[in-house]
């Protein structure tokens, strides 16, 4: 029990040191509050984005499809973390095409490729923009909301495009 408590305290100290307590002032610019969420494609909100960046069935009893959104005020952006394990964040590789969204270990100096801004488009839908290039966003590959279909980072489609819905996601907060 002492080891578990020590690990928890050490992790909290690391996170506090890493972000310098900035989350306390973050509320004014946050699109969503810090927390754990299911990420669901607007194309089929019965599915969720799993930790392999693929669409899958929602399973509330397992953490393989949970994401932690943590706002970093100094960067005016979110880190999207995998749960578990602690310490890996969603990052755009800088490439185009399937496989360009991956998990990367967090550094104390966060790279813009692992930071995301959330555009609230209304009706509970969001576009996840990459901080390094705000025209690059999460996208359901081929606009096909089928189990196993990958999520990638793609050029933002115009609002009038038939493929825009493939870039809209909904967040469902997970309460402990």
C-alpha atoms as a PDB file:
ATOM      1  CA  UNK A   1       0.000   0.000   0.000  1.00  0.00           C
ATOM      2  CA  UNK A   2       2.894   2.351   0.784  1.00  0.00           C
ATOM      3  CA  UNK A   3       4.405   1.718  -2.658  1.00  0.00           C
ATOM      4  CA  UNK A   4       1.133   2.562  -4.410  1.00  0.00           C
ATOM      5  CA  UNK A   5       0.765   5.765  -2.376  1.00  0.00           C
ATOM      6  CA  UNK A   6       4.351   6.723  -3.152  1.00  0.00           C
ATOM      7  CA  UNK A   7       3.820   6.151  -6.890  1.00  0.00           C
ATOM      8  CA  UNK A   8       0.648   8.261  -6.864  1.00  0.00           C
ATOM      9  CA  UNK A   9       2.353  11.114  -4.985  1.00  0.00           C
ATOM     10  CA  UNK A  10       5.388  10.974  -7.291  1.00  0.00           C
ATOM     11  CA  UNK A  11       3.152  11.055 -10.379  1.00  0.00           C
ATOM     12  CA  UNK A  12       1.200  14.043  -9.048  1.00  0.00           C
ATOM     13  CA  UNK A  13       4.425  15.893  -8.274  1.00  0.00           C
ATOM     14  CA  UNK A  14       5.749  15.177 -11.777  1.00  0.00           C
ATOM     15  CA  UNK A  15       2.554  16.429 -13.432  1.00  0.00           C
ATOM     16  CA  UNK A  16       2.531  19.533 -11.216  1.00  0.00           C
ATOM     17  CA  UNK A  17       6.160  20.295 -12.015  1.00  0.00           C
ATOM     18  CA  UNK A  18       5.615  19.624 -15.699  1.00  0.00           C
ATOM     19  CA  UNK A  19       2.711  22.032 -16.073  1.00  0.00           C
ATOM     20  CA  UNK A  20       3.674  24.495 -13.300  1.00  0.00           C
ATOM     21  CA  UNK A  21       0.169  24.587 -11.880  1.00  0.00           C
ATOM     22  CA  UNK A  22      -1.195  26.280 -15.003  1.00  0.00           C
ATOM     23  CA  UNK A  23      -4.499  24.452 -15.082  1.00  0.00           C
ATOM     24  CA  UNK A  24      -5.889  26.661 -12.311  1.00  0.00           C
ATOM     25  CA  UNK A  25      -5.980  29.646 -14.702  1.00  0.00           C
ATOM     26  CA  UNK A  26      -7.022  27.637 -17.747  1.00  0.00           C
ATOM     27  CA  UNK A  27     -10.806  27.793 -17.424  1.00  0.00           C
ATOM     28  CA  UNK A  28     -11.252  30.978 -19.460  1.00  0.00           C
ATOM     29  CA  UNK A  29      -9.756  29.465 -22.650  1.00  0.00           C
ATOM     30  CA  UNK A  30     -10.759  25.834 -22.239  1.00  0.00           C
ATOM     31  CA  UNK A  31     -13.227  24.400 -24.735  1.00  0.00           C
ATOM     32  CA  UNK A  32     -13.905  21.380 -22.510  1.00  0.00           C
ATOM     33  CA  UNK A  33     -12.918  20.824 -18.909  1.00  0.00           C
ATOM     34  CA  UNK A  34      -9.999  18.587 -18.028  1.00  0.00           C
ATOM     35  CA  UNK A  35     -11.238  15.048 -17.705  1.00  0.00           C
ATOM     36  CA  UNK A  36     -11.613  11.584 -19.144  1.00  0.00           C
ATOM     37  CA  UNK A  37     -13.784  11.074 -22.222  1.00  0.00           C
ATOM     38  CA  UNK A  38     -14.954   8.674 -24.873  1.00  0.00           C
ATOM     39  CA  UNK A  39     -14.231  10.166 -28.318  1.00  0.00           C
ATOM     40  CA  UNK A  40     -17.082   9.327 -30.699  1.00  0.00           C
ATOM     41  CA  UNK A  41     -17.302  10.079 -34.424  1.00  0.00           C
ATOM     42  CA  UNK A  42     -20.308  12.156 -35.455  1.00  0.00           C
ATOM     43  CA  UNK A  43     -20.727   9.705 -38.361  1.00  0.00           C
ATOM     44  CA  UNK A  44     -21.674   6.988 -35.840  1.00  0.00           C
ATOM     45  CA  UNK A  45     -21.780   8.046 -32.170  1.00  0.00           C
ATOM     46  CA  UNK A  46     -22.411   4.425 -31.150  1.00  0.00           C
ATOM     47  CA  UNK A  47     -18.715   3.779 -31.881  1.00  0.00           C
ATOM     48  CA  UNK A  48     -15.662   5.205 -30.122  1.00  0.00           C
ATOM     49  CA  UNK A  49     -12.069   5.885 -31.085  1.00  0.00           C
ATOM     50  CA  UNK A  50      -9.963   3.217 -29.383  1.00  0.00           C
ATOM     51  CA  UNK A  51      -6.321   3.466 -28.329  1.00  0.00           C
ATOM     52  CA  UNK A  52      -5.176   2.048 -31.682  1.00  0.00           C
ATOM     53  CA  UNK A  53      -6.767   5.104 -33.347  1.00  0.00           C
ATOM     54  CA  UNK A  54      -9.455   2.913 -34.869  1.00  0.00           C
ATOM     55  CA  UNK A  55     -13.210   2.887 -34.495  1.00  0.00           C
ATOM     56  CA  UNK A  56     -14.492   0.269 -32.104  1.00  0.00           C
ATOM     57  CA  UNK A  57     -17.349  -0.715 -29.868  1.00  0.00           C
ATOM     58  CA  UNK A  58     -17.891   1.343 -26.735  1.00  0.00           C
ATOM     59  CA  UNK A  59     -16.946  -0.678 -23.674  1.00  0.00           C
ATOM     60  CA  UNK A  60     -17.394   1.232 -20.399  1.00  0.00           C
ATOM     61  CA  UNK A  61     -15.848  -1.582 -18.348  1.00  0.00           C
ATOM     62  CA  UNK A  62     -12.406  -1.307 -19.940  1.00  0.00           C
ATOM     63  CA  UNK A  63     -10.070   1.635 -20.286  1.00  0.00           C
ATOM     64  CA  UNK A  64      -8.839   0.755 -23.795  1.00  0.00           C
ATOM     65  CA  UNK A  65     -11.013   3.471 -25.273  1.00  0.00           C
ATOM     66  CA  UNK A  66     -10.676   6.268 -22.694  1.00  0.00           C
ATOM     67  CA  UNK A  67      -8.819   9.501 -23.353  1.00  0.00           C
ATOM     68  CA  UNK A  68      -7.722  12.146 -20.873  1.00  0.00           C
ATOM     69  CA  UNK A  69      -7.950  15.734 -22.092  1.00  0.00           C
ATOM     70  CA  UNK A  70      -5.618  18.049 -20.175  1.00  0.00           C
ATOM     71  CA  UNK A  71      -5.481  21.766 -20.962  1.00  0.00           C
ATOM     72  CA  UNK A  72      -2.031  23.395 -20.891  1.00  0.00           C
ATOM     73  CA  UNK A  73      -2.656  27.122 -20.406  1.00  0.00           C
ATOM     74  CA  UNK A  74       0.811  28.271 -21.497  1.00  0.00           C
ATOM     75  CA  UNK A  75       0.315  26.485 -24.833  1.00  0.00           C
ATOM     76  CA  UNK A  76      -3.418  27.348 -25.146  1.00  0.00           C
ATOM     77  CA  UNK A  77      -3.979  23.745 -26.210  1.00  0.00           C
ATOM     78  CA  UNK A  78      -4.774  20.272 -24.936  1.00  0.00           C
ATOM     79  CA  UNK A  79      -2.672  17.200 -24.452  1.00  0.00           C
ATOM     80  CA  UNK A  80      -4.737  14.103 -25.263  1.00  0.00           C
ATOM     81  CA  UNK A  81      -3.420  11.259 -23.143  1.00  0.00           C
ATOM     82  CA  UNK A  82      -3.917   7.531 -23.327  1.00  0.00           C
ATOM     83  CA  UNK A  83      -5.293   5.824 -20.236  1.00  0.00           C
ATOM     84  CA  UNK A  84      -3.488   3.583 -19.261  1.00  0.00           C
ATOM     85  CA  UNK A  85      -0.488   3.821 -19.317  1.00  0.00           C
ATOM     86  CA  UNK A  86       0.266   7.283 -18.019  1.00  0.00           C
ATOM     87  CA  UNK A  87       2.714   9.382 -19.979  1.00  0.00           C
ATOM     88  CA  UNK A  88       1.721   8.861 -23.629  1.00  0.00           C
ATOM     89  CA  UNK A  89       0.005  11.540 -25.681  1.00  0.00           C
ATOM     90  CA  UNK A  90      -1.601  11.612 -29.122  1.00  0.00           C
ATOM     91  CA  UNK A  91       0.815  13.073 -31.641  1.00  0.00           C
ATOM     92  CA  UNK A  92       0.636  13.861 -35.350  1.00  0.00           C
ATOM     93  CA  UNK A  93       3.734  12.484 -37.108  1.00  0.00           C
ATOM     94  CA  UNK A  94       3.783  15.364 -39.606  1.00  0.00           C
ATOM     95  CA  UNK A  95       3.018  12.945 -42.432  1.00  0.00           C
ATOM     96  CA  UNK A  96      -0.147  12.578 -44.510  1.00  0.00           C
ATOM     97  CA  UNK A  97      -2.249   9.410 -44.543  1.00  0.00           C
ATOM     98  CA  UNK A  98      -3.291   6.501 -42.356  1.00  0.00           C
ATOM     99  CA  UNK A  99      -0.889   5.817 -39.487  1.00  0.00           C
ATOM    100  CA  UNK A 100       0.048   9.467 -38.954  1.00  0.00           C
ATOM    101  CA  UNK A 101      -1.559   9.609 -35.517  1.00  0.00           C
ATOM    102  CA  UNK A 102       0.438   7.816 -32.846  1.00  0.00           C
ATOM    103  CA  UNK A 103       1.267   7.709 -29.145  1.00  0.00           C
ATOM    104  CA  UNK A 104       4.394   9.519 -28.056  1.00  0.00           C
ATOM    105  CA  UNK A 105       5.961   9.816 -24.622  1.00  0.00           C
ATOM    106  CA  UNK A 106       5.425  13.211 -23.021  1.00  0.00           C
ATOM    107  CA  UNK A 107       8.346  15.511 -22.637  1.00  0.00           C
ATOM    108  CA  UNK A 108       8.471  18.416 -20.197  1.00  0.00           C
ATOM    109  CA  UNK A 109       8.881  20.604 -23.296  1.00  0.00           C
ATOM    110  CA  UNK A 110       5.720  19.661 -25.211  1.00  0.00           C
ATOM    111  CA  UNK A 111       6.073  19.698 -28.997  1.00  0.00           C
ATOM    112  CA  UNK A 112       3.245  21.342 -30.961  1.00  0.00           C
ATOM    113  CA  UNK A 113       2.682  18.048 -32.836  1.00  0.00           C
ATOM    114  CA  UNK A 114       1.300  16.602 -29.572  1.00  0.00           C
ATOM    115  CA  UNK A 115      -0.900  19.588 -28.763  1.00  0.00           C
ATOM    116  CA  UNK A 116      -4.487  19.978 -29.923  1.00  0.00           C
ATOM    117  CA  UNK A 117      -7.015  22.789 -30.009  1.00  0.00           C
ATOM    118  CA  UNK A 118     -10.696  21.945 -29.941  1.00  0.00           C
ATOM    119  CA  UNK A 119     -13.113  23.833 -32.152  1.00  0.00           C
ATOM    120  CA  UNK A 120     -16.655  23.674 -30.826  1.00  0.00           C
ATOM    121  CA  UNK A 121     -18.865  23.527 -33.947  1.00  0.00           C
ATOM    122  CA  UNK A 122     -22.075  23.349 -31.928  1.00  0.00           C
ATOM    123  CA  UNK A 123     -24.529  20.555 -31.146  1.00  0.00           C
ATOM    124  CA  UNK A 124     -21.857  18.736 -29.123  1.00  0.00           C
ATOM    125  CA  UNK A 125     -19.463  18.343 -32.066  1.00  0.00           C
ATOM    126  CA  UNK A 126     -15.766  19.241 -32.058  1.00  0.00           C
ATOM    127  CA  UNK A 127     -12.916  19.407 -34.542  1.00  0.00           C
ATOM    128  CA  UNK A 128      -9.483  18.453 -33.114  1.00  0.00           C
ATOM    129  CA  UNK A 129      -6.904  20.770 -34.723  1.00  0.00           C
ATOM    130  CA  UNK A 130      -3.186  20.108 -34.423  1.00  0.00           C
ATOM    131  CA  UNK A 131      -1.292  22.991 -32.806  1.00  0.00           C
ATOM    132  CA  UNK A 132       1.649  22.736 -35.238  1.00  0.00           C
ATOM    133  CA  UNK A 133      -0.650  23.150 -38.273  1.00  0.00           C
ATOM    134  CA  UNK A 134      -4.219  24.144 -37.447  1.00  0.00           C
ATOM    135  CA  UNK A 135      -5.414  23.014 -40.900  1.00  0.00           C
ATOM    136  CA  UNK A 136      -4.584  19.411 -39.942  1.00  0.00           C
ATOM    137  CA  UNK A 137      -7.361  17.702 -37.969  1.00  0.00           C
ATOM    138  CA  UNK A 138      -8.542  14.284 -36.789  1.00  0.00           C
ATOM    139  CA  UNK A 139     -10.443  12.519 -39.568  1.00  0.00           C
ATOM    140  CA  UNK A 140     -12.320   9.233 -40.008  1.00  0.00           C
ATOM    141  CA  UNK A 141     -10.525   7.577 -42.944  1.00  0.00           C
ATOM    142  CA  UNK A 142     -12.668   7.507 -46.097  1.00  0.00           C
ATOM    143  CA  UNK A 143     -15.590   8.892 -44.034  1.00  0.00           C
ATOM    144  CA  UNK A 144     -16.509   5.292 -43.205  1.00  0.00           C
ATOM    145  CA  UNK A 145     -17.776   4.807 -39.672  1.00  0.00           C
ATOM    146  CA  UNK A 146     -17.198   1.053 -39.475  1.00  0.00           C
ATOM    147  CA  UNK A 147     -15.515  -0.956 -36.724  1.00  0.00           C
ATOM    148  CA  UNK A 148     -11.766  -1.130 -37.372  1.00  0.00           C
ATOM    149  CA  UNK A 149     -11.634   1.925 -39.641  1.00  0.00           C
ATOM    150  CA  UNK A 150      -8.649   4.149 -38.774  1.00  0.00           C
ATOM    151  CA  UNK A 151      -8.536   7.715 -37.538  1.00  0.00           C
ATOM    152  CA  UNK A 152      -5.842   9.872 -39.135  1.00  0.00           C
ATOM    153  CA  UNK A 153      -4.812  13.506 -39.284  1.00  0.00           C
ATOM    154  CA  UNK A 154      -6.027  15.077 -42.530  1.00  0.00           C
ATOM    155  CA  UNK A 155      -6.388  18.511 -44.132  1.00  0.00           C
ATOM    156  CA  UNK A 156      -9.495  20.314 -42.823  1.00  0.00           C
ATOM    157  CA  UNK A 157     -12.383  20.007 -45.269  1.00  0.00           C
ATOM    158  CA  UNK A 158     -14.508  23.094 -46.031  1.00  0.00           C
ATOM    159  CA  UNK A 159     -17.781  23.340 -44.106  1.00  0.00           C
ATOM    160  CA  UNK A 160     -19.666  22.709 -47.364  1.00  0.00           C
ATOM    161  CA  UNK A 161     -17.782  19.455 -48.097  1.00  0.00           C
ATOM    162  CA  UNK A 162     -19.599  16.133 -47.920  1.00  0.00           C
ATOM    163  CA  UNK A 163     -16.565  14.834 -45.974  1.00  0.00           C
ATOM    164  CA  UNK A 164     -16.681  17.466 -43.198  1.00  0.00           C
ATOM    165  CA  UNK A 165     -18.727  15.168 -40.925  1.00  0.00           C
ATOM    166  CA  UNK A 166     -15.773  12.742 -40.922  1.00  0.00           C
ATOM    167  CA  UNK A 167     -13.855  15.426 -39.001  1.00  0.00           C
ATOM    168  CA  UNK A 168     -16.473  16.004 -36.322  1.00  0.00           C
ATOM    169  CA  UNK A 169     -16.207  14.179 -33.006  1.00  0.00           C
ATOM    170  CA  UNK A 170     -18.275  14.120 -29.851  1.00  0.00           C
ATOM    171  CA  UNK A 171     -16.952  13.832 -26.320  1.00  0.00           C
ATOM    172  CA  UNK A 172     -18.746  11.823 -23.655  1.00  0.00           C
ATOM    173  CA  UNK A 173     -17.332  12.463 -20.210  1.00  0.00           C
ATOM    174  CA  UNK A 174     -16.584   9.412 -18.117  1.00  0.00           C
ATOM    175  CA  UNK A 175     -17.428   9.888 -14.467  1.00  0.00           C
ATOM    176  CA  UNK A 176     -15.462   7.842 -11.947  1.00  0.00           C
END
